[in-house]
Protein backbone atom coordinates (compact mmCIF):
# COMPACT_ATOMS: atom_id res chain seq x y z
CA UNK A 1 0.00 0.00 0.00
CA UNK A 2 1.42 3.40 -1.00
CA UNK A 3 1.06 6.57 1.07
CA UNK A 4 0.80 9.00 -1.80
CA UNK A 5 1.69 12.69 -1.99
CA UNK A 6 -0.08 15.22 -4.17
CA UNK A 7 2.16 16.44 -7.01
CA UNK A 8 2.43 19.94 -5.53
CA UNK A 9 3.44 18.45 -2.16
CA UNK A 10 6.15 16.38 -3.83
CA UNK A 11 7.52 19.42 -5.68
CA UNK A 12 7.63 21.46 -2.47
CA UNK A 13 9.48 18.61 -0.73
CA UNK A 14 12.03 18.34 -3.55
CA UNK A 15 12.75 22.08 -3.39
CA UNK A 16 13.06 21.98 0.40
CA UNK A 17 15.38 18.99 0.54
CA UNK A 18 17.76 19.69 -2.37
CA UNK A 19 18.02 23.46 -2.78
CA UNK A 20 20.77 25.71 -1.46
CA UNK A 21 23.96 23.74 -2.01
CA UNK A 22 24.96 24.60 -5.57
CA UNK A 23 28.49 23.83 -6.71
CA UNK A 24 29.88 26.50 -9.03
CA UNK A 25 32.82 27.14 -11.31
CA UNK A 26 34.17 29.82 -13.64
CA UNK A 27 33.15 29.20 -17.24
CA UNK A 28 34.49 30.96 -20.37
CA UNK A 29 31.81 32.60 -22.48
CA UNK A 30 32.48 30.15 -25.31
CA UNK A 31 31.31 27.31 -23.04
CA UNK A 32 28.55 29.13 -21.14
CA UNK A 33 25.60 28.25 -23.39
CA UNK A 34 23.15 25.95 -21.60
CA UNK A 35 24.75 26.43 -18.19
CA UNK A 36 22.89 27.87 -15.19
CA UNK A 37 24.18 31.27 -14.17
CA UNK A 38 25.24 31.42 -10.52
CA UNK A 39 25.74 35.20 -10.25
CA UNK A 40 23.79 38.33 -11.01
CA UNK A 41 25.20 40.17 -14.01
CA UNK A 42 25.09 43.98 -14.05
CA UNK A 43 26.47 46.15 -16.81
CA UNK A 44 29.76 47.90 -16.08
CA UNK A 45 29.77 50.17 -19.14
CA UNK A 46 27.52 51.89 -21.66
CA UNK A 47 26.27 49.82 -24.61
CA UNK A 48 26.39 51.38 -27.10
CA UNK A 49 29.02 53.85 -25.93
CA UNK A 50 27.98 56.49 -28.48
CA UNK A 51 24.85 57.80 -30.18
CA UNK A 52 24.40 55.86 -33.42
CA UNK A 53 22.17 55.74 -36.47
CA UNK A 54 19.74 52.89 -37.10
CA UNK A 55 19.41 53.65 -40.83
CA UNK A 56 21.42 54.75 -43.85
CA UNK A 57 20.72 58.44 -44.40
CA UNK A 58 21.74 61.93 -43.35
CA UNK A 59 22.44 63.28 -39.88
CA UNK A 60 20.62 66.58 -39.45
CA UNK A 61 19.45 69.15 -36.97
CA UNK A 62 15.75 68.25 -36.77
CA UNK A 63 14.61 71.87 -36.63
CA UNK A 64 16.07 72.40 -40.13
CA UNK A 65 13.52 69.92 -41.52
CA UNK A 66 10.32 71.19 -39.94
CA UNK A 67 7.67 71.85 -42.55
CA UNK A 68 9.58 70.39 -45.48
CA UNK A 69 7.96 68.12 -48.07
CA UNK A 70 8.56 66.66 -51.52
CA UNK A 71 7.13 69.84 -53.01
CA UNK A 72 9.23 72.06 -50.74
CA UNK A 73 12.45 70.25 -49.68
CA UNK A 74 14.73 71.59 -46.96
CA UNK A 75 18.02 72.48 -48.65
CA UNK A 76 21.04 71.49 -46.54
CA UNK A 77 24.76 71.63 -47.24
CA UNK A 78 26.61 68.34 -46.90
CA UNK A 79 29.65 68.80 -44.63
CA UNK A 80 31.04 65.28 -44.51
CA UNK A 81 30.49 61.55 -44.34
CA UNK A 82 30.54 59.39 -41.21
CA UNK A 83 32.83 56.37 -41.54
CA UNK A 84 32.07 53.13 -39.70
CA UNK A 85 34.19 52.58 -36.61
CA UNK A 86 35.37 56.19 -36.47
CA UNK A 87 34.36 59.25 -34.48
CA UNK A 88 33.34 62.07 -36.88
CA UNK A 89 35.89 64.89 -36.99
CA UNK A 90 33.30 67.44 -38.09
CA UNK A 91 30.15 68.98 -36.61
CA UNK A 92 26.65 69.40 -38.00
CA UNK A 93 25.11 72.82 -37.46
CA UNK A 94 22.15 74.79 -38.73
CA UNK A 95 21.69 74.38 -42.50
CA UNK A 96 24.11 71.44 -42.79
CA UNK A 97 23.97 67.64 -42.81
CA UNK A 98 26.27 64.61 -43.07
CA UNK A 99 25.93 61.23 -44.74
CA UNK A 100 25.75 58.44 -42.17
CA UNK A 101 25.53 54.61 -42.47
CA UNK A 102 23.53 52.27 -40.26
CA UNK A 103 25.51 51.94 -37.03
CA UNK A 104 27.57 55.06 -37.67
CA UNK A 105 28.38 57.49 -34.85
CA UNK A 106 26.20 60.60 -34.78
CA UNK A 107 28.24 63.78 -35.46
CA UNK A 108 28.27 66.45 -32.80
CA UNK A 109 25.42 68.93 -33.27
CA UNK A 110 23.07 66.56 -35.07
CA UNK A 111 19.98 65.28 -33.23
CA UNK A 112 18.20 63.20 -35.87
CA UNK A 113 18.73 61.05 -38.96
CA UNK A 114 16.63 61.17 -42.12
CA UNK A 115 16.46 57.95 -44.15
CA UNK A 116 18.19 58.19 -47.52
CA UNK A 117 14.87 57.32 -49.19
CA UNK A 118 13.54 60.73 -48.11
CA UNK A 119 16.46 62.73 -49.51
CA UNK A 120 17.75 63.96 -52.88
CA UNK A 121 21.40 64.57 -53.76
CA UNK A 122 21.66 67.45 -56.23
CA UNK A 123 25.32 66.71 -57.00
CA UNK A 124 26.67 70.12 -55.93
CA UNK A 125 26.99 69.39 -52.20
CA UNK A 126 23.36 70.26 -51.57
CA UNK A 127 21.02 67.63 -50.10
CA UNK A 128 17.26 68.00 -50.31
CA UNK A 129 15.30 66.69 -47.30
CA UNK A 130 11.81 65.59 -48.40
CA UNK A 131 10.34 64.59 -45.03
CA UNK A 132 10.51 66.36 -41.70
CA UNK A 133 12.19 64.64 -38.75
CA UNK A 134 11.74 64.92 -34.99
CA UNK A 135 14.67 64.96 -32.57
CA UNK A 136 15.81 61.40 -31.86
CA UNK A 137 14.43 59.92 -35.10
CA UNK A 138 16.32 56.81 -36.27
CA UNK A 139 18.80 56.97 -33.41
CA UNK A 140 20.00 54.73 -30.60
CA UNK A 141 21.48 56.86 -27.84
CA UNK A 142 24.46 56.08 -25.65
CA UNK A 143 23.38 53.59 -22.97
CA UNK A 144 19.98 52.86 -24.55
CA UNK A 145 20.86 49.16 -24.36
CA UNK A 146 22.62 49.03 -21.01
CA UNK A 147 24.37 51.45 -18.69
CA UNK A 148 26.69 50.96 -15.69
CA UNK A 149 24.83 49.28 -12.86
CA UNK A 150 21.85 48.12 -14.93
CA UNK A 151 20.82 44.50 -14.05
CA UNK A 152 21.07 42.36 -17.16
CA UNK A 153 20.98 38.67 -16.17
CA UNK A 154 19.81 37.11 -12.93
CA UNK A 155 21.35 34.17 -11.10
CA UNK A 156 19.41 30.98 -11.76
CA UNK A 157 18.86 31.71 -15.45
CA UNK A 158 19.86 29.09 -17.99
CA UNK A 159 22.14 30.89 -20.43
CA UNK A 160 20.75 31.05 -23.96
CA UNK A 161 22.22 32.24 -27.24
CA UNK A 162 20.84 35.75 -26.75
CA UNK A 163 22.38 35.90 -23.29
CA UNK A 164 25.83 35.06 -24.64
CA UNK A 165 25.41 37.92 -27.10
CA UNK A 166 24.52 40.34 -24.30
CA UNK A 167 27.53 39.20 -22.29
CA UNK A 168 29.83 39.64 -25.26
CA UNK A 169 28.45 43.13 -25.91
CA UNK A 170 29.43 44.10 -22.36
CA UNK A 171 32.89 42.59 -22.69
CA UNK A 172 32.15 39.83 -20.17
CA UNK A 173 34.08 36.76 -21.29
CA UNK A 174 33.77 34.63 -18.13
CA UNK A 175 30.85 33.88 -15.80
CA UNK A 176 30.25 31.89 -12.65
CA UNK A 177 27.92 29.00 -13.41
CA UNK A 178 26.66 25.84 -11.73
CA UNK A 179 28.96 22.89 -12.29
CA UNK A 180 27.87 20.43 -14.94
CA UNK A 181 26.39 17.58 -12.91
CA UNK A 182 26.10 13.87 -13.66
CA UNK A 183 22.91 11.80 -13.57
CA UNK A 184 23.20 8.03 -13.22
CA UNK A 185 20.66 5.99 -15.19
CA UNK A 186 19.96 2.40 -14.13
CA UNK A 187 17.37 0.20 -15.84
CA UNK A 188 16.03 -2.83 -14.00
CA UNK A 189 14.03 -5.84 -15.06
CA UNK A 190 14.52 -9.49 -16.04
CA UNK A 191 12.53 -8.80 -19.21
CA UNK A 192 14.81 -6.06 -20.56
CA UNK A 193 17.39 -6.36 -23.34
CA UNK A 194 19.56 -3.67 -24.90
CA UNK A 195 18.09 -1.50 -27.65
CA UNK A 196 20.36 -3.13 -30.25
CA UNK A 197 19.26 -6.68 -29.33
CA UNK A 198 16.46 -8.76 -30.82
CA UNK A 199 13.98 -9.46 -28.01
CA UNK A 200 13.11 -13.07 -27.31
CA UNK A 201 9.74 -14.32 -26.06
CA UNK A 202 8.57 -12.18 -23.15
CA UNK A 203 11.42 -9.67 -23.58
CA UNK A 204 11.35 -5.96 -24.49
CA UNK A 205 14.02 -3.47 -25.42
CA UNK A 206 15.25 -1.01 -22.80
CA UNK A 207 13.56 2.26 -23.82
CA UNK A 208 14.13 4.28 -20.69
CA UNK A 209 17.94 4.43 -20.71
CA UNK A 210 18.02 6.24 -24.06
CA UNK A 211 15.00 8.41 -23.32
CA UNK A 212 16.17 9.49 -19.87
CA UNK A 213 19.70 10.18 -21.15
CA UNK A 214 18.27 12.52 -23.79
CA UNK A 215 16.15 14.30 -21.18
CA UNK A 216 19.21 14.81 -18.97
CA UNK A 217 21.19 16.31 -21.84
CA UNK A 218 18.35 18.73 -22.60
CA UNK A 219 19.02 20.57 -19.37
CA UNK A 220 22.76 20.33 -19.09
CA UNK A 221 23.23 17.18 -17.01
CA UNK A 222 25.70 14.57 -18.20
CA UNK A 223 23.97 11.17 -18.29
CA UNK A 224 25.93 8.12 -17.18
CA UNK A 225 24.24 4.89 -18.23
CA UNK A 226 24.90 1.88 -15.98
CA UNK A 227 23.04 -0.61 -18.13
CA UNK A 228 20.43 -3.20 -17.26
CA UNK A 229 20.32 -4.77 -13.80
CA UNK A 230 18.31 -7.94 -13.27
CA UNK A 231 15.64 -8.10 -10.55
CA UNK A 232 18.09 -8.88 -7.79
CA UNK A 233 18.48 -6.80 -4.63
CA UNK A 234 22.20 -7.37 -4.25
CA UNK A 235 23.05 -6.56 -7.86
CA UNK A 236 21.01 -3.37 -7.69
CA UNK A 237 22.55 -2.42 -4.34
CA UNK A 238 26.09 -2.69 -5.70
CA UNK A 239 25.16 -0.69 -8.78
CA UNK A 240 23.47 2.01 -6.68
CA UNK A 241 26.55 2.36 -4.45
CA UNK A 242 28.77 2.83 -7.50
CA UNK A 243 26.35 5.31 -9.09
CA UNK A 244 26.06 7.41 -5.93
CA UNK A 245 29.84 7.57 -5.60
CA UNK A 246 30.27 8.72 -9.21
CA UNK A 247 27.23 10.90 -9.91
CA UNK A 248 25.14 13.71 -8.41
CA UNK A 249 21.71 12.14 -8.92
CA UNK A 250 20.46 8.62 -9.62
CA UNK A 251 17.49 7.48 -11.68
CA UNK A 252 16.44 3.85 -11.25
CA UNK A 253 13.96 2.82 -13.91
CA UNK A 254 11.63 -0.05 -12.98
CA UNK A 255 10.98 -1.93 -9.78
CA UNK A 256 9.40 1.05 -8.00
CA UNK A 257 6.14 -0.68 -7.08
CA UNK A 258 5.52 -2.97 -4.11
CA UNK A 259 5.75 -6.42 -5.65
CA UNK A 260 8.19 -9.14 -4.62
CA UNK A 261 10.38 -8.45 -7.66
CA UNK A 262 10.30 -4.66 -7.18
CA UNK A 263 13.67 -4.08 -5.53
CA UNK A 264 14.08 -0.28 -5.79
CA UNK A 265 12.26 0.56 -2.56
CA UNK A 266 14.12 -2.05 -0.52
CA UNK A 267 17.53 -1.11 -1.89
CA UNK A 268 17.16 2.66 -1.64
CA UNK A 269 15.86 2.44 1.94
CA UNK A 270 18.71 0.09 2.93
CA UNK A 271 21.34 2.55 1.62
CA UNK A 272 19.71 5.82 2.68
CA UNK A 273 16.23 7.18 3.41
CA UNK A 274 12.90 7.33 1.60
CA UNK A 275 11.40 10.81 1.26
CA UNK A 276 8.23 9.62 -0.43
CA UNK A 277 6.82 6.53 -2.15
CA UNK A 278 3.74 7.20 -4.20
CA UNK A 279 2.22 10.16 -6.04
CA UNK A 280 -1.45 10.97 -6.45
CA UNK A 281 -1.17 11.12 -10.23
CA UNK A 282 -1.58 9.08 -13.35
CA UNK A 283 0.70 7.86 -14.82
CA UNK A 284 3.49 7.48 -12.26
CA UNK A 285 1.78 6.59 -8.99
CA UNK A 286 4.52 4.24 -7.64
CA UNK A 287 7.34 6.81 -7.94
CA UNK A 288 9.99 6.82 -5.22
CA UNK A 289 12.25 9.63 -4.05
CA UNK A 290 15.04 8.75 -1.68
CA UNK A 291 18.29 10.26 -0.51
CA UNK A 292 21.57 8.38 -0.39
CA UNK A 293 24.74 10.14 0.76
CA UNK A 294 22.88 13.42 0.44
CA UNK A 295 22.02 12.83 -3.23
CA UNK A 296 18.54 12.42 -4.73
CA UNK A 297 17.69 8.91 -5.90
CA UNK A 298 14.51 8.47 -7.92
CA UNK A 299 12.75 5.16 -8.37
CA UNK A 300 10.85 5.61 -11.64
CA UNK A 301 8.10 3.38 -13.00
CA UNK A 302 9.34 1.10 -15.76
CA UNK A 303 6.48 2.15 -18.05
CA UNK A 304 8.19 4.66 -20.40
CA UNK A 305 5.29 7.13 -20.53
CA UNK A 306 5.15 7.22 -16.72
CA UNK A 307 8.94 7.58 -16.48
CA UNK A 308 8.73 10.38 -19.02
CA UNK A 309 6.15 12.42 -17.10
CA UNK A 310 7.83 11.89 -13.74
CA UNK A 311 11.13 13.08 -15.19
CA UNK A 312 9.55 16.11 -16.88
CA UNK A 313 7.77 17.23 -13.73
CA UNK A 314 9.63 15.97 -10.65
CA UNK A 315 13.14 14.97 -11.67
CA UNK A 316 13.31 18.31 -13.49
CA UNK A 317 12.58 20.08 -10.19
CA UNK A 318 15.40 18.19 -8.50
CA UNK A 319 17.76 19.09 -11.33
CA UNK A 320 16.82 22.74 -10.95
CA UNK A 321 17.34 22.60 -7.18
CA UNK A 322 20.81 21.08 -7.56
CA UNK A 323 21.73 23.71 -10.17
CA UNK A 324 20.14 26.71 -8.47
CA UNK A 325 17.99 27.18 -11.56
CA UNK A 326 14.81 29.24 -11.51
CA UNK A 327 12.31 27.35 -13.63
CA UNK A 328 9.96 29.37 -15.77
CA UNK A 329 7.23 27.39 -17.51
CA UNK A 330 5.11 29.23 -20.09
CA UNK A 331 2.21 27.04 -21.17
CA UNK A 332 0.12 27.92 -24.20
CA UNK A 333 -3.67 28.10 -24.17
CA UNK A 334 -5.35 25.65 -26.55
CA UNK A 335 -8.89 24.45 -27.22
CA UNK A 336 -9.53 20.80 -26.39
CA UNK A 337 -10.92 19.17 -29.55
CA UNK A 338 -12.79 16.27 -27.90
CA UNK A 339 -14.26 15.17 -24.60
CA UNK A 340 -11.87 13.46 -22.21
CA UNK A 341 -12.62 11.54 -19.03
CA UNK A 342 -10.27 11.38 -16.05
CA UNK A 343 -9.42 9.17 -13.12
CA UNK A 344 -11.17 10.89 -10.20
CA UNK A 345 -8.96 11.40 -7.15
CA UNK A 346 -5.59 11.61 -8.99
CA UNK A 347 -4.10 14.34 -11.13
CA UNK A 348 -3.93 12.95 -14.66
CA UNK A 349 -1.27 13.98 -17.17
CA UNK A 350 -2.16 13.62 -20.84
CA UNK A 351 0.02 14.02 -23.93
CA UNK A 352 -1.35 16.37 -26.58
CA UNK A 353 -0.87 17.13 -30.26
CA UNK A 354 -1.19 20.83 -31.15
CA UNK A 355 -2.53 22.18 -34.42
CA UNK A 356 -4.02 25.39 -35.79
CA UNK A 357 -7.41 25.79 -37.44
CA UNK A 358 -9.12 29.01 -38.46
CA UNK A 359 -6.68 31.06 -36.44
CA UNK A 360 -7.14 29.08 -33.21
CA UNK A 361 -4.75 26.68 -31.48
CA UNK A 362 -6.26 23.27 -30.72
CA UNK A 363 -5.05 20.38 -28.57
CA UNK A 364 -5.82 16.77 -29.42
CA UNK A 365 -5.35 14.37 -26.47
CA UNK A 366 -3.16 11.38 -27.27
CA UNK A 367 -4.38 8.32 -25.43
CA UNK A 368 -2.55 5.03 -25.20
CA UNK A 369 -2.84 1.75 -23.37
CA UNK A 370 -0.40 1.21 -20.54
CA UNK A 371 3.04 0.34 -21.88
CA UNK A 372 2.61 1.91 -25.30
CA UNK A 373 5.08 4.71 -26.02
CA UNK A 374 4.43 5.82 -29.60
CA UNK A 375 2.33 8.76 -28.35
CA UNK A 376 5.47 10.35 -26.90
CA UNK A 377 6.90 10.73 -30.39
CA UNK A 378 3.71 12.41 -31.61
CA UNK A 379 3.24 14.75 -28.66
CA UNK A 380 3.91 18.49 -28.78
CA UNK A 381 3.29 18.82 -25.06
CA UNK A 382 1.01 17.76 -22.23
CA UNK A 383 -1.76 19.03 -19.99
CA UNK A 384 -3.01 18.12 -16.54
CA UNK A 385 -6.53 17.28 -15.41
CA UNK A 386 -7.00 18.22 -11.77
CA UNK A 387 -7.52 15.40 -9.26
CA UNK A 388 -10.96 16.77 -8.38
CA UNK A 389 -12.12 16.82 -11.99
CA UNK A 390 -13.73 13.79 -13.63
CA UNK A 391 -13.06 15.03 -17.14
CA UNK A 392 -13.07 17.95 -19.54
CA UNK A 393 -15.62 18.70 -22.28
CA UNK A 394 -14.76 19.44 -25.87
CA UNK A 395 -14.14 23.17 -26.30
CA UNK A 396 -12.48 23.64 -22.92
CA UNK A 397 -9.49 25.99 -22.96
CA UNK A 398 -6.56 24.14 -21.40
CA UNK A 399 -2.94 25.01 -20.67
CA UNK A 400 -0.51 22.88 -22.65
CA UNK A 401 3.09 22.66 -21.52
CA UNK A 402 5.52 22.53 -24.40
CA UNK A 403 8.09 19.78 -24.89
CA UNK A 404 10.63 22.53 -25.45
CA UNK A 405 10.25 23.75 -21.86
CA UNK A 406 12.00 20.80 -20.18
């Protein structure tokens, strides 16, 4: 008999037990992508460090252009041309202008840029301005992007491509990030064979090792696969000891229930402590979370779909806690395209296929019998039916969590 926790209770427990002890290291910017930032980043300089044009055109004093039009151009004398990467050596005053490229530094005296499309060059040093400009038009001013002391990136953020660009722009070539951690993956079961083997009668290929390894890589953990362990307490115990000594987290796939052959509970409890055994959800009810030598050890159901959801929702929280990462899930709203019943009393997680029709986003629930995994390849995300809800009618607006938000 399992004493189950509600999913939200399990998540709170994971955060409480495994947060606050993040190992960090200095990382060069070239290797920072995908790592979890362990420090707040504030700008220490102006970016850009000069007023610059956002278009090809002419730098002008805006007041010289007021009231001009194609029928009555403002006639300005060209006094120079701004060169990329150089500070202009000339000034722009009343009745004058200067050619300027996109990204060029604004000459002293100018306060606006007119796009070249709204100008005419008369060939004698006179430029006709065909459209009036307001001060600040087509300009980025010094410090518009960042300025000294401005917060730019917050500790706990997973560094993306855009973040590396922002760091480079500020001249930051090294950051403090969470260490890259290792996750041990152990599959158990007398019926399992390797993915490259031909299963015999009553045998199935080990799906979870490959799937869980991919899910670890998605969020920066290094998976270490320990292979298939038969349903034997002593063999699993020795493997667990080795995994705990070599890795930061352990995932044991299979054997998490309460049957005679289900060794995970017995072995984890003999080597450490059990934090919970059982979740009020479907799939994944017999999930175990233990702690051995201070490290989280998950006992996952052998059913791949259940292992998948438990990893997405609960293992992911443990990974974030160990890394000091601040998770930020952004589900999309979608219209359920058919009625769906639920298992009253347990939160139910359902895979969904997303598609657009007549400008609306729809979600089609992907059902499967226990043990079937093909729906995982079709899914674009998943949604949850509350434990107190017996189902959802067609047309309900639901929140679908994207597969890309692991």
